[in-house]
PDB file of N, CA and C in Angstrom:
ATOM      1  N   MET A   1      28.600  18.068  43.852  1.00  0.00           N
ATOM      2  CA  MET A   1      29.907  17.553  44.207  1.00  0.00           C
ATOM      3  C   MET A   1      29.937  17.193  45.684  1.00  0.00           C
ATOM      4  N   ARG A   2      30.817  16.259  45.990  1.00  0.00           N
ATOM      5  CA  ARG A   2      31.034  15.856  47.381  1.00  0.00           C
ATOM      6  C   ARG A   2      32.242  16.623  47.908  1.00  0.00           C
ATOM      7  N   ILE A   3      32.027  17.383  48.976  1.00  0.00           N
ATOM      8  CA  ILE A   3      33.079  18.233  49.524  1.00  0.00           C
ATOM      9  C   ILE A   3      33.330  17.852  50.978  1.00  0.00           C
ATOM     10  N   LEU A   4      34.598  17.590  51.301  1.00  0.00           N
ATOM     11  CA  LEU A   4      35.011  17.339  52.677  1.00  0.00           C
ATOM     12  C   LEU A   4      35.694  18.596  53.191  1.00  0.00           C
ATOM     13  N   ILE A   5      35.153  19.155  54.261  1.00  0.00           N
ATOM     14  CA  ILE A   5      35.715  20.344  54.895  1.00  0.00           C
ATOM     15  C   ILE A   5      36.451  19.902  56.154  1.00  0.00           C
ATOM     16  N   VAL A   6      37.753  20.187  56.193  1.00  0.00           N
ATOM     17  CA  VAL A   6      38.595  19.813  57.328  1.00  0.00           C
ATOM     18  C   VAL A   6      39.062  21.100  57.993  1.00  0.00           C
ATOM     19  N   GLU A   7      38.407  21.435  59.086  1.00  0.00           N
ATOM     20  CA  GLU A   7      38.673  22.712  59.765  1.00  0.00           C
ATOM     21  C   GLU A   7      38.368  22.543  61.245  1.00  0.00           C
ATOM     22  N   ASP A   8      39.310  22.947  62.108  1.00  0.00           N
ATOM     23  CA  ASP A   8      39.104  22.795  63.543  1.00  0.00           C
ATOM     24  C   ASP A   8      38.395  23.984  64.179  1.00  0.00           C
ATOM     25  N   ASN A   9      38.299  25.105  63.473  1.00  0.00           N
ATOM     26  CA  ASN A   9      37.594  26.271  63.997  1.00  0.00           C
ATOM     27  C   ASN A   9      36.091  26.081  63.749  1.00  0.00           C
ATOM     28  N   PRO A  10      35.293  25.913  64.813  1.00  0.00           N
ATOM     29  CA  PRO A  10      33.869  25.615  64.633  1.00  0.00           C
ATOM     30  C   PRO A  10      33.105  26.692  63.870  1.00  0.00           C
ATOM     31  N   GLY A  11      33.445  27.960  64.081  1.00  0.00           N
ATOM     32  CA  GLY A  11      32.739  29.035  63.377  1.00  0.00           C
ATOM     33  C   GLY A  11      32.995  29.013  61.886  1.00  0.00           C
ATOM     34  N   LEU A  12      34.253  28.878  61.500  1.00  0.00           N
ATOM     35  CA  LEU A  12      34.588  28.816  60.074  1.00  0.00           C
ATOM     36  C   LEU A  12      34.028  27.546  59.448  1.00  0.00           C
ATOM     37  N   ARG A  13      34.117  26.446  60.168  1.00  0.00           N
ATOM     38  CA  ARG A  13      33.584  25.167  59.669  1.00  0.00           C
ATOM     39  C   ARG A  13      32.092  25.297  59.364  1.00  0.00           C
ATOM     40  N   ALA A  14      31.330  25.871  60.275  1.00  0.00           N
ATOM     41  CA  ALA A  14      29.884  26.042  60.076  1.00  0.00           C
ATOM     42  C   ALA A  14      29.596  26.976  58.905  1.00  0.00           C
ATOM     43  N   LEU A  15      30.374  28.026  58.780  1.00  0.00           N
ATOM     44  CA  LEU A  15      30.200  28.961  57.668  1.00  0.00           C
ATOM     45  C   LEU A  15      30.432  28.263  56.322  1.00  0.00           C
ATOM     46  N   LEU A  16      31.470  27.448  56.246  1.00  0.00           N
ATOM     47  CA  LEU A  16      31.765  26.745  54.997  1.00  0.00           C
ATOM     48  C   LEU A  16      30.709  25.689  54.677  1.00  0.00           C
ATOM     49  N   VAL A  17      30.212  25.014  55.702  1.00  0.00           N
ATOM     50  CA  VAL A  17      29.136  24.038  55.483  1.00  0.00           C
ATOM     51  C   VAL A  17      27.913  24.738  54.907  1.00  0.00           C
ATOM     52  N   ASP A  18      27.499  25.844  55.509  1.00  0.00           N
ATOM     53  CA  ASP A  18      26.340  26.597  55.007  1.00  0.00           C
ATOM     54  C   ASP A  18      26.565  27.070  53.579  1.00  0.00           C
ATOM     55  N   LEU A  19      27.763  27.551  53.297  1.00  0.00           N
ATOM     56  CA  LEU A  19      28.092  28.053  51.972  1.00  0.00           C
ATOM     57  C   LEU A  19      27.935  26.975  50.905  1.00  0.00           C
ATOM     58  N   PHE A  20      28.491  25.809  51.150  1.00  0.00           N
ATOM     59  CA  PHE A  20      28.474  24.764  50.121  1.00  0.00           C
ATOM     60  C   PHE A  20      27.179  23.961  50.099  1.00  0.00           C
ATOM     61  N   GLN A  21      26.524  23.780  51.227  1.00  0.00           N
ATOM     62  CA  GLN A  21      25.210  23.140  51.200  1.00  0.00           C
ATOM     63  C   GLN A  21      24.210  24.036  50.494  1.00  0.00           C
ATOM     64  N   GLY A  22      24.343  25.338  50.680  1.00  0.00           N
ATOM     65  CA  GLY A  22      23.479  26.295  50.000  1.00  0.00           C
ATOM     66  C   GLY A  22      23.677  26.281  48.496  1.00  0.00           C
ATOM     67  N   ALA A  23      24.849  25.826  48.055  1.00  0.00           N
ATOM     68  CA  ALA A  23      25.140  25.721  46.626  1.00  0.00           C
ATOM     69  C   ALA A  23      24.876  24.299  46.122  1.00  0.00           C
ATOM     70  N   ALA A  24      24.112  23.524  46.888  1.00  0.00           N
ATOM     71  CA  ALA A  24      23.654  22.185  46.511  1.00  0.00           C
ATOM     72  C   ALA A  24      24.771  21.149  46.408  1.00  0.00           C
ATOM     73  N   HIS A  25      25.800  21.289  47.230  1.00  0.00           N
ATOM     74  CA  HIS A  25      26.852  20.280  47.293  1.00  0.00           C
ATOM     75  C   HIS A  25      26.578  19.358  48.470  1.00  0.00           C
ATOM     76  N   GLU A  26      27.051  18.129  48.371  1.00  0.00           N
ATOM     77  CA  GLU A  26      26.986  17.192  49.486  1.00  0.00           C
ATOM     78  C   GLU A  26      28.233  17.439  50.333  1.00  0.00           C
ATOM     79  N   VAL A  27      28.041  17.758  51.602  1.00  0.00           N
ATOM     80  CA  VAL A  27      29.152  18.203  52.446  1.00  0.00           C
ATOM     81  C   VAL A  27      29.297  17.303  53.670  1.00  0.00           C
ATOM     82  N   ARG A  28      30.536  16.972  53.975  1.00  0.00           N
ATOM     83  CA  ARG A  28      30.881  16.315  55.230  1.00  0.00           C
ATOM     84  C   ARG A  28      31.963  17.152  55.896  1.00  0.00           C
ATOM     85  N   VAL A  29      32.054  17.044  57.208  1.00  0.00           N
ATOM     86  CA  VAL A  29      33.051  17.818  57.935  1.00  0.00           C
ATOM     87  C   VAL A  29      33.931  16.902  58.772  1.00  0.00           C
ATOM     88  N   ALA A  30      35.145  17.377  58.997  1.00  0.00           N
ATOM     89  CA  ALA A  30      36.081  16.715  59.897  1.00  0.00           C
ATOM     90  C   ALA A  30      36.747  17.804  60.725  1.00  0.00           C
ATOM     91  N   PRO A  31      36.593  17.764  62.043  1.00  0.00           N
ATOM     92  CA  PRO A  31      37.176  18.797  62.890  1.00  0.00           C
ATOM     93  C   PRO A  31      38.661  18.576  63.197  1.00  0.00           C
ATOM     94  N   SER A  32      39.224  17.476  62.695  1.00  0.00           N
ATOM     95  CA  SER A  32      40.639  17.178  62.934  1.00  0.00           C
ATOM     96  C   SER A  32      41.187  16.388  61.744  1.00  0.00           C
ATOM     97  N   GLY A  33      42.501  16.320  61.688  1.00  0.00           N
ATOM     98  CA  GLY A  33      43.128  15.540  60.634  1.00  0.00           C
ATOM     99  C   GLY A  33      42.819  14.056  60.757  1.00  0.00           C
ATOM    100  N   THR A  34      42.754  13.574  61.977  1.00  0.00           N
ATOM    101  CA  THR A  34      42.434  12.167  62.207  1.00  0.00           C
ATOM    102  C   THR A  34      41.042  11.831  61.668  1.00  0.00           C
ATOM    103  N   LYS A  35      40.075  12.685  61.956  1.00  0.00           N
ATOM    104  CA  LYS A  35      38.710  12.481  61.461  1.00  0.00           C
ATOM    105  C   LYS A  35      38.669  12.589  59.934  1.00  0.00           C
ATOM    106  N   ALA A  36      39.517  13.437  59.358  1.00  0.00           N
ATOM    107  CA  ALA A  36      39.570  13.568  57.903  1.00  0.00           C
ATOM    108  C   ALA A  36      40.042  12.265  57.265  1.00  0.00           C
ATOM    109  N   LEU A  37      41.069  11.652  57.831  1.00  0.00           N
ATOM    110  CA  LEU A  37      41.561  10.383  57.290  1.00  0.00           C
ATOM    111  C   LEU A  37      40.496   9.297  57.395  1.00  0.00           C
ATOM    112  N   GLU A  38      39.740   9.284  58.481  1.00  0.00           N
ATOM    113  CA  GLU A  38      38.636   8.334  58.624  1.00  0.00           C
ATOM    114  C   GLU A  38      37.594   8.571  57.537  1.00  0.00           C
ATOM    115  N   ALA A  39      37.252   9.830  57.292  1.00  0.00           N
ATOM    116  CA  ALA A  39      36.256  10.159  56.269  1.00  0.00           C
ATOM    117  C   ALA A  39      36.735   9.738  54.887  1.00  0.00           C
ATOM    118  N   LEU A  40      38.012   9.944  54.593  1.00  0.00           N
ATOM    119  CA  LEU A  40      38.541   9.574  53.275  1.00  0.00           C
ATOM    120  C   LEU A  40      38.445   8.076  53.023  1.00  0.00           C
ATOM    121  N   SER A  41      38.531   7.293  54.086  1.00  0.00           N
ATOM    122  CA  SER A  41      38.494   5.841  53.909  1.00  0.00           C
ATOM    123  C   SER A  41      37.092   5.308  53.602  1.00  0.00           C
ATOM    124  N   ASN A  42      36.048   6.057  53.965  1.00  0.00           N
ATOM    125  CA  ASN A  42      34.697   5.530  53.714  1.00  0.00           C
ATOM    126  C   ASN A  42      33.772   6.505  52.984  1.00  0.00           C
ATOM    127  N   TRP A  43      34.269   7.663  52.586  1.00  0.00           N
ATOM    128  CA  TRP A  43      33.441   8.639  51.865  1.00  0.00           C
ATOM    129  C   TRP A  43      34.356   9.463  50.958  1.00  0.00           C
ATOM    130  N   PRO A  44      34.694   8.941  49.791  1.00  0.00           N
ATOM    131  CA  PRO A  44      35.634   9.665  48.928  1.00  0.00           C
ATOM    132  C   PRO A  44      35.019  10.938  48.350  1.00  0.00           C
ATOM    133  N   PRO A  45      35.596  12.094  48.682  1.00  0.00           N
ATOM    134  CA  PRO A  45      35.053  13.360  48.183  1.00  0.00           C
ATOM    135  C   PRO A  45      35.606  13.701  46.794  1.00  0.00           C
ATOM    136  N   ASP A  46      34.953  14.645  46.151  1.00  0.00           N
ATOM    137  CA  ASP A  46      35.475  15.209  44.906  1.00  0.00           C
ATOM    138  C   ASP A  46      36.471  16.322  45.211  1.00  0.00           C
ATOM    139  N   VAL A  47      36.210  17.046  46.306  1.00  0.00           N
ATOM    140  CA  VAL A  47      37.053  18.173  46.719  1.00  0.00           C
ATOM    141  C   VAL A  47      37.262  18.103  48.229  1.00  0.00           C
ATOM    142  N   ILE A  48      38.510  18.369  48.633  1.00  0.00           N
ATOM    143  CA  ILE A  48      38.829  18.509  50.055  1.00  0.00           C
ATOM    144  C   ILE A  48      39.275  19.951  50.271  1.00  0.00           C
ATOM    145  N   ILE A  49      38.661  20.596  51.246  1.00  0.00           N
ATOM    146  CA  ILE A  49      39.077  21.938  51.664  1.00  0.00           C
ATOM    147  C   ILE A  49      39.614  21.758  53.074  1.00  0.00           C
ATOM    148  N   ALA A  50      40.948  21.908  53.223  1.00  0.00           N
ATOM    149  CA  ALA A  50      41.563  21.562  54.503  1.00  0.00           C
ATOM    150  C   ALA A  50      42.489  22.647  55.025  1.00  0.00           C
ATOM    151  N   ASP A  51      42.383  22.867  56.319  1.00  0.00           N
ATOM    152  CA  ASP A  51      43.323  23.728  57.022  1.00  0.00           C
ATOM    153  C   ASP A  51      44.633  22.949  57.159  1.00  0.00           C
ATOM    154  N   LEU A  52      45.742  23.643  57.148  1.00  0.00           N
ATOM    155  CA  LEU A  52      47.037  22.986  57.346  1.00  0.00           C
ATOM    156  C   LEU A  52      47.306  22.692  58.812  1.00  0.00           C
ATOM    157  N   ASN A  53      46.926  23.609  59.678  1.00  0.00           N
ATOM    158  CA  ASN A  53      47.230  23.496  61.095  1.00  0.00           C
ATOM    159  C   ASN A  53      46.039  22.884  61.823  1.00  0.00           C
ATOM    160  N   LEU A  54      46.139  21.586  62.084  1.00  0.00           N
ATOM    161  CA  LEU A  54      45.034  20.853  62.694  1.00  0.00           C
ATOM    162  C   LEU A  54      45.513  20.093  63.924  1.00  0.00           C
ATOM    163  N   PRO A  55      44.594  19.768  64.830  1.00  0.00           N
ATOM    164  CA  PRO A  55      44.979  18.899  65.945  1.00  0.00           C
ATOM    165  C   PRO A  55      45.267  17.486  65.431  1.00  0.00           C
ATOM    166  N   GLY A  56      46.299  16.880  65.948  1.00  0.00           N
ATOM    167  CA  GLY A  56      46.642  15.512  65.534  1.00  0.00           C
ATOM    168  C   GLY A  56      47.305  15.506  64.169  1.00  0.00           C
ATOM    169  N   VAL A  57      46.715  14.798  63.249  1.00  0.00           N
ATOM    170  CA  VAL A  57      47.227  14.691  61.879  1.00  0.00           C
ATOM    171  C   VAL A  57      47.142  16.065  61.205  1.00  0.00           C
ATOM    172  N   GLN A  58      48.230  16.498  60.612  1.00  0.00           N
ATOM    173  CA  GLN A  58      48.310  17.824  59.985  1.00  0.00           C
ATOM    174  C   GLN A  58      47.832  17.778  58.526  1.00  0.00           C
ATOM    175  N   GLY A  59      47.629  18.949  57.959  1.00  0.00           N
ATOM    176  CA  GLY A  59      47.146  19.071  56.596  1.00  0.00           C
ATOM    177  C   GLY A  59      48.030  18.408  55.562  1.00  0.00           C
ATOM    178  N   GLU A  60      49.353  18.449  55.759  1.00  0.00           N
ATOM    179  CA  GLU A  60      50.264  17.808  54.812  1.00  0.00           C
ATOM    180  C   GLU A  60      49.994  16.306  54.715  1.00  0.00           C
ATOM    181  N   GLU A  61      49.686  15.677  55.835  1.00  0.00           N
ATOM    182  CA  GLU A  61      49.393  14.248  55.841  1.00  0.00           C
ATOM    183  C   GLU A  61      48.070  13.950  55.139  1.00  0.00           C
ATOM    184  N   ILE A  62      47.125  14.853  55.232  1.00  0.00           N
ATOM    185  CA  ILE A  62      45.862  14.700  54.508  1.00  0.00           C
ATOM    186  C   ILE A  62      46.135  14.770  53.005  1.00  0.00           C
ATOM    187  N   ALA A  63      47.013  15.673  52.598  1.00  0.00           N
ATOM    188  CA  ALA A  63      47.370  15.797  51.182  1.00  0.00           C
ATOM    189  C   ALA A  63      47.986  14.502  50.661  1.00  0.00           C
ATOM    190  N   ILE A  64      48.857  13.887  51.436  1.00  0.00           N
ATOM    191  CA  ILE A  64      49.494  12.629  51.032  1.00  0.00           C
ATOM    192  C   ILE A  64      48.456  11.520  50.922  1.00  0.00           C
ATOM    193  N   ALA A  65      47.574  11.438  51.901  1.00  0.00           N
ATOM    194  CA  ALA A  65      46.517  10.407  51.879  1.00  0.00           C
ATOM    195  C   ALA A  65      45.582  10.607  50.699  1.00  0.00           C
ATOM    196  N   ALA A  66      45.230  11.845  50.401  1.00  0.00           N
ATOM    197  CA  ALA A  66      44.335  12.139  49.280  1.00  0.00           C
ATOM    198  C   ALA A  66      44.977  11.747  47.952  1.00  0.00           C
ATOM    199  N   ALA A  67      46.272  12.000  47.825  1.00  0.00           N
ATOM    200  CA  ALA A  67      46.983  11.676  46.585  1.00  0.00           C
ATOM    201  C   ALA A  67      47.038  10.170  46.339  1.00  0.00           C
ATOM    202  N   ALA A  68      46.938   9.382  47.398  1.00  0.00           N
ATOM    203  CA  ALA A  68      47.006   7.931  47.273  1.00  0.00           C
ATOM    204  C   ALA A  68      45.658   7.291  46.940  1.00  0.00           C
ATOM    205  N   LEU A  69      44.577   8.067  46.952  1.00  0.00           N
ATOM    206  CA  LEU A  69      43.256   7.508  46.647  1.00  0.00           C
ATOM    207  C   LEU A  69      43.143   7.161  45.166  1.00  0.00           C
ATOM    208  N   PRO A  70      42.378   6.114  44.839  1.00  0.00           N
ATOM    209  CA  PRO A  70      42.218   5.724  43.437  1.00  0.00           C
ATOM    210  C   PRO A  70      41.690   6.863  42.551  1.00  0.00           C
ATOM    211  N   GLN A  71      40.699   7.575  43.029  1.00  0.00           N
ATOM    212  CA  GLN A  71      40.189   8.751  42.315  1.00  0.00           C
ATOM    213  C   GLN A  71      40.558   9.964  43.154  1.00  0.00           C
ATOM    214  N   ARG A  72      41.740  10.503  42.888  1.00  0.00           N
ATOM    215  CA  ARG A  72      42.285  11.580  43.707  1.00  0.00           C
ATOM    216  C   ARG A  72      41.373  12.802  43.705  1.00  0.00           C
ATOM    217  N   PRO A  73      40.920  13.208  44.898  1.00  0.00           N
ATOM    218  CA  PRO A  73      40.097  14.422  44.973  1.00  0.00           C
ATOM    219  C   PRO A  73      40.945  15.672  44.754  1.00  0.00           C
ATOM    220  N   ARG A  74      40.306  16.740  44.341  1.00  0.00           N
ATOM    221  CA  ARG A  74      40.967  18.042  44.261  1.00  0.00           C
ATOM    222  C   ARG A  74      41.193  18.521  45.685  1.00  0.00           C
ATOM    223  N   LEU A  75      42.283  19.239  45.910  1.00  0.00           N
ATOM    224  CA  LEU A  75      42.647  19.636  47.260  1.00  0.00           C
ATOM    225  C   LEU A  75      42.921  21.127  47.317  1.00  0.00           C
ATOM    226  N   ILE A  76      42.196  21.795  48.217  1.00  0.00           N
ATOM    227  CA  ILE A  76      42.423  23.209  48.507  1.00  0.00           C
ATOM    228  C   ILE A  76      42.936  23.282  49.940  1.00  0.00           C
ATOM    229  N   MET A  77      44.159  23.759  50.093  1.00  0.00           N
ATOM    230  CA  MET A  77      44.745  23.905  51.417  1.00  0.00           C
ATOM    231  C   MET A  77      44.642  25.372  51.841  1.00  0.00           C
ATOM    232  N   MET A  78      44.374  25.602  53.123  1.00  0.00           N
ATOM    233  CA  MET A  78      44.265  26.968  53.627  1.00  0.00           C
ATOM    234  C   MET A  78      45.019  27.093  54.946  1.00  0.00           C
ATOM    235  N   SER A  79      45.572  28.287  55.155  1.00  0.00           N
ATOM    236  CA  SER A  79      46.321  28.547  56.373  1.00  0.00           C
ATOM    237  C   SER A  79      46.572  30.043  56.494  1.00  0.00           C
ATOM    238  N   ALA A  80      46.800  30.494  57.707  1.00  0.00           N
ATOM    239  CA  ALA A  80      47.216  31.876  57.949  1.00  0.00           C
ATOM    240  C   ALA A  80      48.738  31.991  57.882  1.00  0.00           C
ATOM    241  N   ASP A  81      49.422  30.857  57.817  1.00  0.00           N
ATOM    242  CA  ASP A  81      50.880  30.809  57.767  1.00  0.00           C
ATOM    243  C   ASP A  81      51.337  30.773  56.306  1.00  0.00           C
ATOM    244  N   ARG A  82      51.707  31.930  55.779  1.00  0.00           N
ATOM    245  CA  ARG A  82      52.076  32.060  54.362  1.00  0.00           C
ATOM    246  C   ARG A  82      53.222  31.123  53.975  1.00  0.00           C
ATOM    247  N   GLU A  83      54.262  31.052  54.797  1.00  0.00           N
ATOM    248  CA  GLU A  83      55.420  30.210  54.471  1.00  0.00           C
ATOM    249  C   GLU A  83      55.048  28.732  54.414  1.00  0.00           C
ATOM    250  N   ARG A  84      54.290  28.292  55.378  1.00  0.00           N
ATOM    251  CA  ARG A  84      53.877  26.883  55.400  1.00  0.00           C
ATOM    252  C   ARG A  84      52.976  26.575  54.211  1.00  0.00           C
ATOM    253  N   LEU A  85      52.105  27.497  53.888  1.00  0.00           N
ATOM    254  CA  LEU A  85      51.219  27.325  52.744  1.00  0.00           C
ATOM    255  C   LEU A  85      52.026  27.198  51.451  1.00  0.00           C
ATOM    256  N   GLU A  86      53.044  28.012  51.304  1.00  0.00           N
ATOM    257  CA  GLU A  86      53.894  27.947  50.103  1.00  0.00           C
ATOM    258  C   GLU A  86      54.635  26.618  50.020  1.00  0.00           C
ATOM    259  N   ARG A  87      55.067  26.087  51.151  1.00  0.00           N
ATOM    260  CA  ARG A  87      55.756  24.782  51.151  1.00  0.00           C
ATOM    261  C   ARG A  87      54.812  23.656  50.751  1.00  0.00           C
ATOM    262  N   THR A  88      53.529  23.836  50.932  1.00  0.00           N
ATOM    263  CA  THR A  88      52.537  22.800  50.636  1.00  0.00           C
ATOM    264  C   THR A  88      51.947  22.951  49.233  1.00  0.00           C
ATOM    265  N   ARG A  89      52.212  24.053  48.584  1.00  0.00           N
ATOM    266  CA  ARG A  89      51.601  24.365  47.293  1.00  0.00           C
ATOM    267  C   ARG A  89      51.714  23.218  46.285  1.00  0.00           C
ATOM    268  N   SER A  90      52.834  22.522  46.256  1.00  0.00           N
ATOM    269  CA  SER A  90      53.033  21.467  45.258  1.00  0.00           C
ATOM    270  C   SER A  90      52.125  20.256  45.488  1.00  0.00           C
ATOM    271  N   ARG A  91      51.607  20.106  46.697  1.00  0.00           N
ATOM    272  CA  ARG A  91      50.719  18.974  47.007  1.00  0.00           C
ATOM    273  C   ARG A  91      49.242  19.308  46.824  1.00  0.00           C
ATOM    274  N   ALA A  92      48.944  20.568  46.589  1.00  0.00           N
ATOM    275  CA  ALA A  92      47.546  21.010  46.515  1.00  0.00           C
ATOM    276  C   ALA A  92      47.209  21.511  45.114  1.00  0.00           C
ATOM    277  N   ASP A  93      45.928  21.460  44.793  1.00  0.00           N
ATOM    278  CA  ASP A  93      45.455  22.037  43.531  1.00  0.00           C
ATOM    279  C   ASP A  93      45.320  23.542  43.654  1.00  0.00           C
ATOM    280  N   ALA A  94      45.113  24.013  44.889  1.00  0.00           N
ATOM    281  CA  ALA A  94      44.998  25.451  45.139  1.00  0.00           C
ATOM    282  C   ALA A  94      45.309  25.695  46.609  1.00  0.00           C
ATOM    283  N   VAL A  95      45.747  26.909  46.907  1.00  0.00           N
ATOM    284  CA  VAL A  95      45.991  27.309  48.293  1.00  0.00           C
ATOM    285  C   VAL A  95      45.301  28.640  48.550  1.00  0.00           C
ATOM    286  N   LEU A  96      44.867  28.816  49.799  1.00  0.00           N
ATOM    287  CA  LEU A  96      44.218  30.064  50.217  1.00  0.00           C
ATOM    288  C   LEU A  96      44.854  30.555  51.504  1.00  0.00           C
ATOM    289  N   LEU A  97      45.277  31.796  51.491  1.00  0.00           N
ATOM    290  CA  LEU A  97      45.820  32.421  52.683  1.00  0.00           C
ATOM    291  C   LEU A  97      44.658  32.972  53.509  1.00  0.00           C
ATOM    292  N   LYS A  98      44.592  32.578  54.767  1.00  0.00           N
ATOM    293  CA  LYS A  98      43.554  33.099  55.666  1.00  0.00           C
ATOM    294  C   LYS A  98      43.966  34.469  56.155  1.00  0.00           C
ATOM    295  N   PRO A  99      43.056  35.388  56.310  1.00  0.00           N
ATOM    296  CA  PRO A  99      41.633  35.315  55.947  1.00  0.00           C
ATOM    297  C   PRO A  99      41.470  35.475  54.434  1.00  0.00           C
ATOM    298  N   PHE A 100      40.418  34.886  53.918  1.00  0.00           N
ATOM    299  CA  PHE A 100      40.134  34.946  52.488  1.00  0.00           C
ATOM    300  C   PHE A 100      38.677  35.310  52.294  1.00  0.00           C
ATOM    301  N   HIS A 101      38.337  35.721  51.089  1.00  0.00           N
ATOM    302  CA  HIS A 101      36.950  36.032  50.758  1.00  0.00           C
ATOM    303  C   HIS A 101      36.244  34.757  50.319  1.00  0.00           C
ATOM    304  N   LEU A 102      35.020  34.568  50.757  1.00  0.00           N
ATOM    305  CA  LEU A 102      34.265  33.374  50.394  1.00  0.00           C
ATOM    306  C   LEU A 102      34.093  33.261  48.882  1.00  0.00           C
ATOM    307  N   ASP A 103      33.977  34.385  48.194  1.00  0.00           N
ATOM    308  CA  ASP A 103      33.862  34.358  46.733  1.00  0.00           C
ATOM    309  C   ASP A 103      35.080  33.695  46.100  1.00  0.00           C
ATOM    310  N   GLU A 104      36.245  33.920  46.681  1.00  0.00           N
ATOM    311  CA  GLU A 104      37.470  33.320  46.162  1.00  0.00           C
ATOM    312  C   GLU A 104      37.425  31.795  46.296  1.00  0.00           C
ATOM    313  N   LEU A 105      36.943  31.314  47.423  1.00  0.00           N
ATOM    314  CA  LEU A 105      36.820  29.869  47.633  1.00  0.00           C
ATOM    315  C   LEU A 105      35.774  29.280  46.701  1.00  0.00           C
ATOM    316  N   LEU A 106      34.650  29.929  46.560  1.00  0.00           N
ATOM    317  CA  LEU A 106      33.617  29.449  45.634  1.00  0.00           C
ATOM    318  C   LEU A 106      34.144  29.371  44.199  1.00  0.00           C
ATOM    319  N   ARG A 107      34.918  30.362  43.808  1.00  0.00           N
ATOM    320  CA  ARG A 107      35.498  30.373  42.454  1.00  0.00           C
ATOM    321  C   ARG A 107      36.425  29.179  42.252  1.00  0.00           C
ATOM    322  N   LEU A 108      37.258  28.891  43.250  1.00  0.00           N
ATOM    323  CA  LEU A 108      38.169  27.756  43.147  1.00  0.00           C
ATOM    324  C   LEU A 108      37.411  26.428  43.026  1.00  0.00           C
ATOM    325  N   VAL A 109      36.408  26.248  43.843  1.00  0.00           N
ATOM    326  CA  VAL A 109      35.632  25.005  43.803  1.00  0.00           C
ATOM    327  C   VAL A 109      34.914  24.886  42.453  1.00  0.00           C
ATOM    328  N   ALA A 110      34.409  25.977  41.934  1.00  0.00           N
ATOM    329  CA  ALA A 110      33.718  25.951  40.636  1.00  0.00           C
ATOM    330  C   ALA A 110      34.653  25.516  39.522  1.00  0.00           C
ATOM    331  N   LEU A 111      35.924  25.807  39.635  1.00  0.00           N
ATOM    332  CA  LEU A 111      36.899  25.378  38.615  1.00  0.00           C
ATOM    333  C   LEU A 111      37.016  23.860  38.552  1.00  0.00           C
ATOM    334  N   PHE A 112      36.683  23.190  39.622  1.00  0.00           N
ATOM    335  CA  PHE A 112      36.829  21.734  39.691  1.00  0.00           C
ATOM    336  C   PHE A 112      35.577  20.984  39.230  1.00  0.00           C
ATOM    337  N   GLN A 113      34.525  21.685  38.879  1.00  0.00           N
ATOM    338  CA  GLN A 113      33.276  21.016  38.471  1.00  0.00           C
ATOM    339  C   GLN A 113      33.361  20.567  37.030  1.00  0.00           C
TER     340      GLN A 113
END
């Protein structure tokens, strides 16, 4: 599967890249919402794993852009802000409250295969 990871925290971003590349997925990263929108325009993923709180374009805007794609990717939104995450739940296929266990994220992505 093609997975786009949208995360501004370099440590978490690297951890997620290693996790999904190790599971034989094709992975691209975007350190900001703006970079995520650029990636969506020229590399349509099967799954987007995105933080809600990003520099520039926020996670909600990524959800709207993803929904407008011809082949809508699955969307997993993550945040440490429980209330904001709940407000976004209707736009996402799944939500994860930070911190989360990597097994939980792997399980969610496996549901989309």
